[in-house]
Structures are given as structure tokens and as C-alpha cells.
Amino acid sequence: MIVRRLDDLAGSDREVHAPNWTSRRLLLHSDGMGFSLHDTVIKPGTTTEIHYQNHLEAVYCIQGKGEVTVLATGEKIPIEAGAVYALDGHERHLLSAETGMRMICVFNPALVGPETHDENGVYPLLSSQS
């Protein structure tokens, strides 16, 4: 059994920072679950371009307010606490935070740990993933 507490991740290699967000990575590839689980805080007033070409992601908003814009269609989807969205088609999108947002994210395949978005909004598929 794996037991991990969010407070224990502060300052560890499982807390990853980027300009617009901080991701606390509760479960990673090395935990052997087949997916990774993240508690991510999005900074208010930010917009992040994201395009997960190598991963599927499901996102459950538990705090805050913002929107997702699907870049291929221009569709704008309001996101607030209680909303979930799943990027089952590797949609290139913008995540805009009106307020600070807290998201619970699940990735398949699981992230290894240090991934951040590259210049195209993509997380690399690191070689230790299977």
C-alpha cells in the first residue's frame, strides 16, 4: 500500500514548479500504478498553452474558476470547482485561470516526475516510462 500526504511533498523532487503552476505529484511511474496523480495549483491571471501529445489527462477542478479554450475549434469551456475535463483526443488547448485554481490531474501513461511543458506545451515521454 502506498500512503503519501500532500504536506510531505513540499520541497521534495515530487513538487515541480513552472511559471504558471505548481504540481505536487502524489503518484508517479515508479509507484507502479499505471497512471500518475497530481495536485496542481494554477496561479490566478495566467494562461498556459498545453498539448499533451504523449499522454491522456483527466482534470478535476476542486477550487477556483477559469476556462479551457480548445485551439482547433475556439470552443471555450468554463471550469470551476466540481467540473472535470478529459483530454481524450490530445487536444491542444489553453488553460486560463481567472482566480487561483486547484486541480487534481491523472496522466496515462504515468509521468516519471520532473516533466514540465516544452515550448509547444508538450510533456516529453521520458525513456523510463513503459
Protein backbone atom coordinates (compact mmCIF):
# COMPACT_ATOMS: atom_id res chain seq x y z
CA MET A 1 0.00 0.00 0.00
CA ILE A 2 1.17 3.49 -0.83
CA VAL A 3 0.36 6.28 1.60
CA ARG A 4 1.52 9.79 0.85
CA ARG A 5 0.50 13.15 2.28
CA LEU A 6 0.42 16.37 0.31
CA ASP A 7 2.29 18.28 3.04
CA ASP A 8 5.17 15.78 2.82
CA LEU A 9 5.80 16.70 -0.84
CA ALA A 10 6.67 20.35 -0.16
CA GLY A 11 10.27 20.99 -1.16
CA SER A 12 10.80 17.43 -2.43
CA ASP A 13 11.51 16.28 -6.00
CA ARG A 14 7.76 15.49 -6.26
CA GLU A 15 6.94 19.22 -6.12
CA VAL A 16 7.51 20.65 -9.60
CA HIS A 17 7.31 24.39 -10.30
CA ALA A 18 6.64 26.17 -13.58
CA PRO A 19 5.90 29.85 -14.20
CA ASN A 20 2.10 29.39 -14.11
CA TRP A 21 1.67 26.39 -11.80
CA THR A 22 2.98 24.14 -9.07
CA SER A 23 2.34 20.41 -9.30
CA ARG A 24 2.59 18.09 -6.31
CA ARG A 25 2.98 14.59 -7.74
CA LEU A 26 1.33 12.14 -5.39
CA LEU A 27 1.79 9.06 -7.59
CA LEU A 28 4.38 8.62 -10.34
CA HIS A 29 5.54 5.92 -12.73
CA SER A 30 7.88 4.48 -10.10
CA ASP A 31 4.86 3.75 -7.88
CA GLY A 32 3.72 1.13 -10.42
CA MET A 33 0.04 2.14 -10.62
CA GLY A 34 -0.05 2.65 -14.41
CA PHE A 35 -1.04 6.32 -14.04
CA SER A 36 0.20 9.37 -12.17
CA LEU A 37 -1.85 11.52 -9.80
CA HIS A 38 -1.13 15.22 -9.25
CA ASP A 39 -2.47 18.04 -7.08
CA THR A 40 -1.79 21.15 -9.14
CA VAL A 41 -2.23 24.81 -8.21
CA ILE A 42 -2.68 27.23 -11.11
CA LYS A 43 -1.70 30.86 -10.49
CA PRO A 44 -4.50 33.43 -10.92
CA GLY A 45 -4.50 35.53 -14.08
CA THR A 46 -2.31 33.09 -16.03
CA THR A 47 -2.83 31.31 -19.34
CA THR A 48 -0.92 28.15 -20.22
CA GLU A 49 -0.80 26.56 -23.67
CA ILE A 50 -0.93 22.78 -23.33
CA HIS A 51 -0.76 19.98 -25.88
CA TYR A 52 -0.33 16.52 -24.37
CA GLN A 53 0.75 14.61 -27.48
CA ASN A 54 2.19 11.73 -25.44
CA HIS A 55 -0.32 11.47 -22.59
CA LEU A 56 -4.02 11.35 -21.82
CA GLU A 57 -5.07 13.62 -18.97
CA ALA A 58 -8.17 13.94 -16.83
CA VAL A 59 -8.53 17.08 -14.70
CA TYR A 60 -10.92 17.61 -11.78
CA CYS A 61 -11.17 21.19 -10.54
CA ILE A 62 -11.64 21.37 -6.78
CA GLN A 63 -11.09 25.11 -6.32
CA GLY A 64 -11.19 28.30 -8.37
CA LYS A 65 -12.53 29.46 -11.69
CA GLY A 66 -11.18 29.63 -15.24
CA GLU A 67 -11.69 28.23 -18.70
CA VAL A 68 -10.27 25.86 -21.26
CA THR A 69 -10.10 27.01 -24.88
CA VAL A 70 -9.81 24.23 -27.48
CA LEU A 71 -7.46 25.77 -30.05
CA ALA A 72 -8.67 23.74 -33.06
CA THR A 73 -12.26 24.94 -32.66
CA GLY A 74 -12.10 28.05 -30.48
CA GLU A 75 -14.61 26.46 -28.10
CA LYS A 76 -14.41 27.98 -24.61
CA ILE A 77 -15.36 25.73 -21.70
CA PRO A 78 -15.90 27.29 -18.26
CA ILE A 79 -14.14 25.42 -15.47
CA GLU A 80 -14.91 25.79 -11.79
CA ALA A 81 -14.96 23.63 -8.67
CA GLY A 82 -16.80 20.39 -9.40
CA ALA A 83 -16.01 20.31 -13.14
CA VAL A 84 -13.95 17.59 -14.79
CA TYR A 85 -12.49 17.59 -18.28
CA ALA A 86 -10.63 14.80 -20.05
CA LEU A 87 -8.28 15.32 -22.96
CA ASP A 88 -9.10 12.05 -24.70
CA GLY A 89 -8.14 13.39 -28.13
CA HIS A 90 -4.83 15.03 -27.21
CA GLU A 91 -6.50 18.41 -27.73
CA ARG A 92 -4.19 21.41 -27.92
CA HIS A 93 -5.71 23.94 -25.54
CA LEU A 94 -5.27 26.99 -23.36
CA LEU A 95 -5.95 26.80 -19.64
CA SER A 96 -6.76 30.27 -18.30
CA ALA A 97 -7.16 30.87 -14.58
CA GLU A 98 -9.45 33.76 -13.62
CA THR A 99 -8.77 33.01 -9.96
CA GLY A 100 -6.25 30.68 -8.39
CA MET A 101 -7.28 27.13 -9.28
CA ARG A 102 -6.58 23.78 -7.67
CA MET A 103 -6.78 20.76 -9.94
CA ILE A 104 -6.49 17.02 -9.39
CA CYS A 105 -4.88 15.57 -12.53
CA VAL A 106 -4.43 11.99 -13.70
CA PHE A 107 -1.99 11.11 -16.50
CA ASN A 108 -1.70 7.96 -18.60
CA PRO A 109 0.99 6.89 -19.16
CA ALA A 110 2.25 7.91 -15.77
CA LEU A 111 4.72 10.76 -15.52
CA VAL A 112 8.19 9.95 -14.23
CA GLY A 113 8.38 13.11 -12.12
CA PRO A 114 10.29 16.13 -13.43
CA GLU A 115 8.23 16.79 -16.59
CA THR A 116 7.25 20.35 -17.48
CA HIS A 117 5.77 21.74 -20.69
CA ASP A 118 8.16 22.32 -23.58
CA GLU A 119 7.85 25.27 -25.99
CA ASN A 120 4.86 23.52 -27.65
CA GLY A 121 3.05 22.76 -24.38
CA VAL A 122 4.04 19.09 -24.52
CA TYR A 123 5.28 16.85 -21.71
CA PRO A 124 8.04 14.61 -23.05
CA LEU A 125 7.59 10.86 -22.90
CA LEU A 126 10.59 10.06 -20.76
CA SER A 127 12.55 6.90 -21.57
CA SER A 128 11.94 5.21 -18.21
CA GLN A 129 8.19 5.08 -18.92
CA SER A 130 6.71 1.89 -20.31
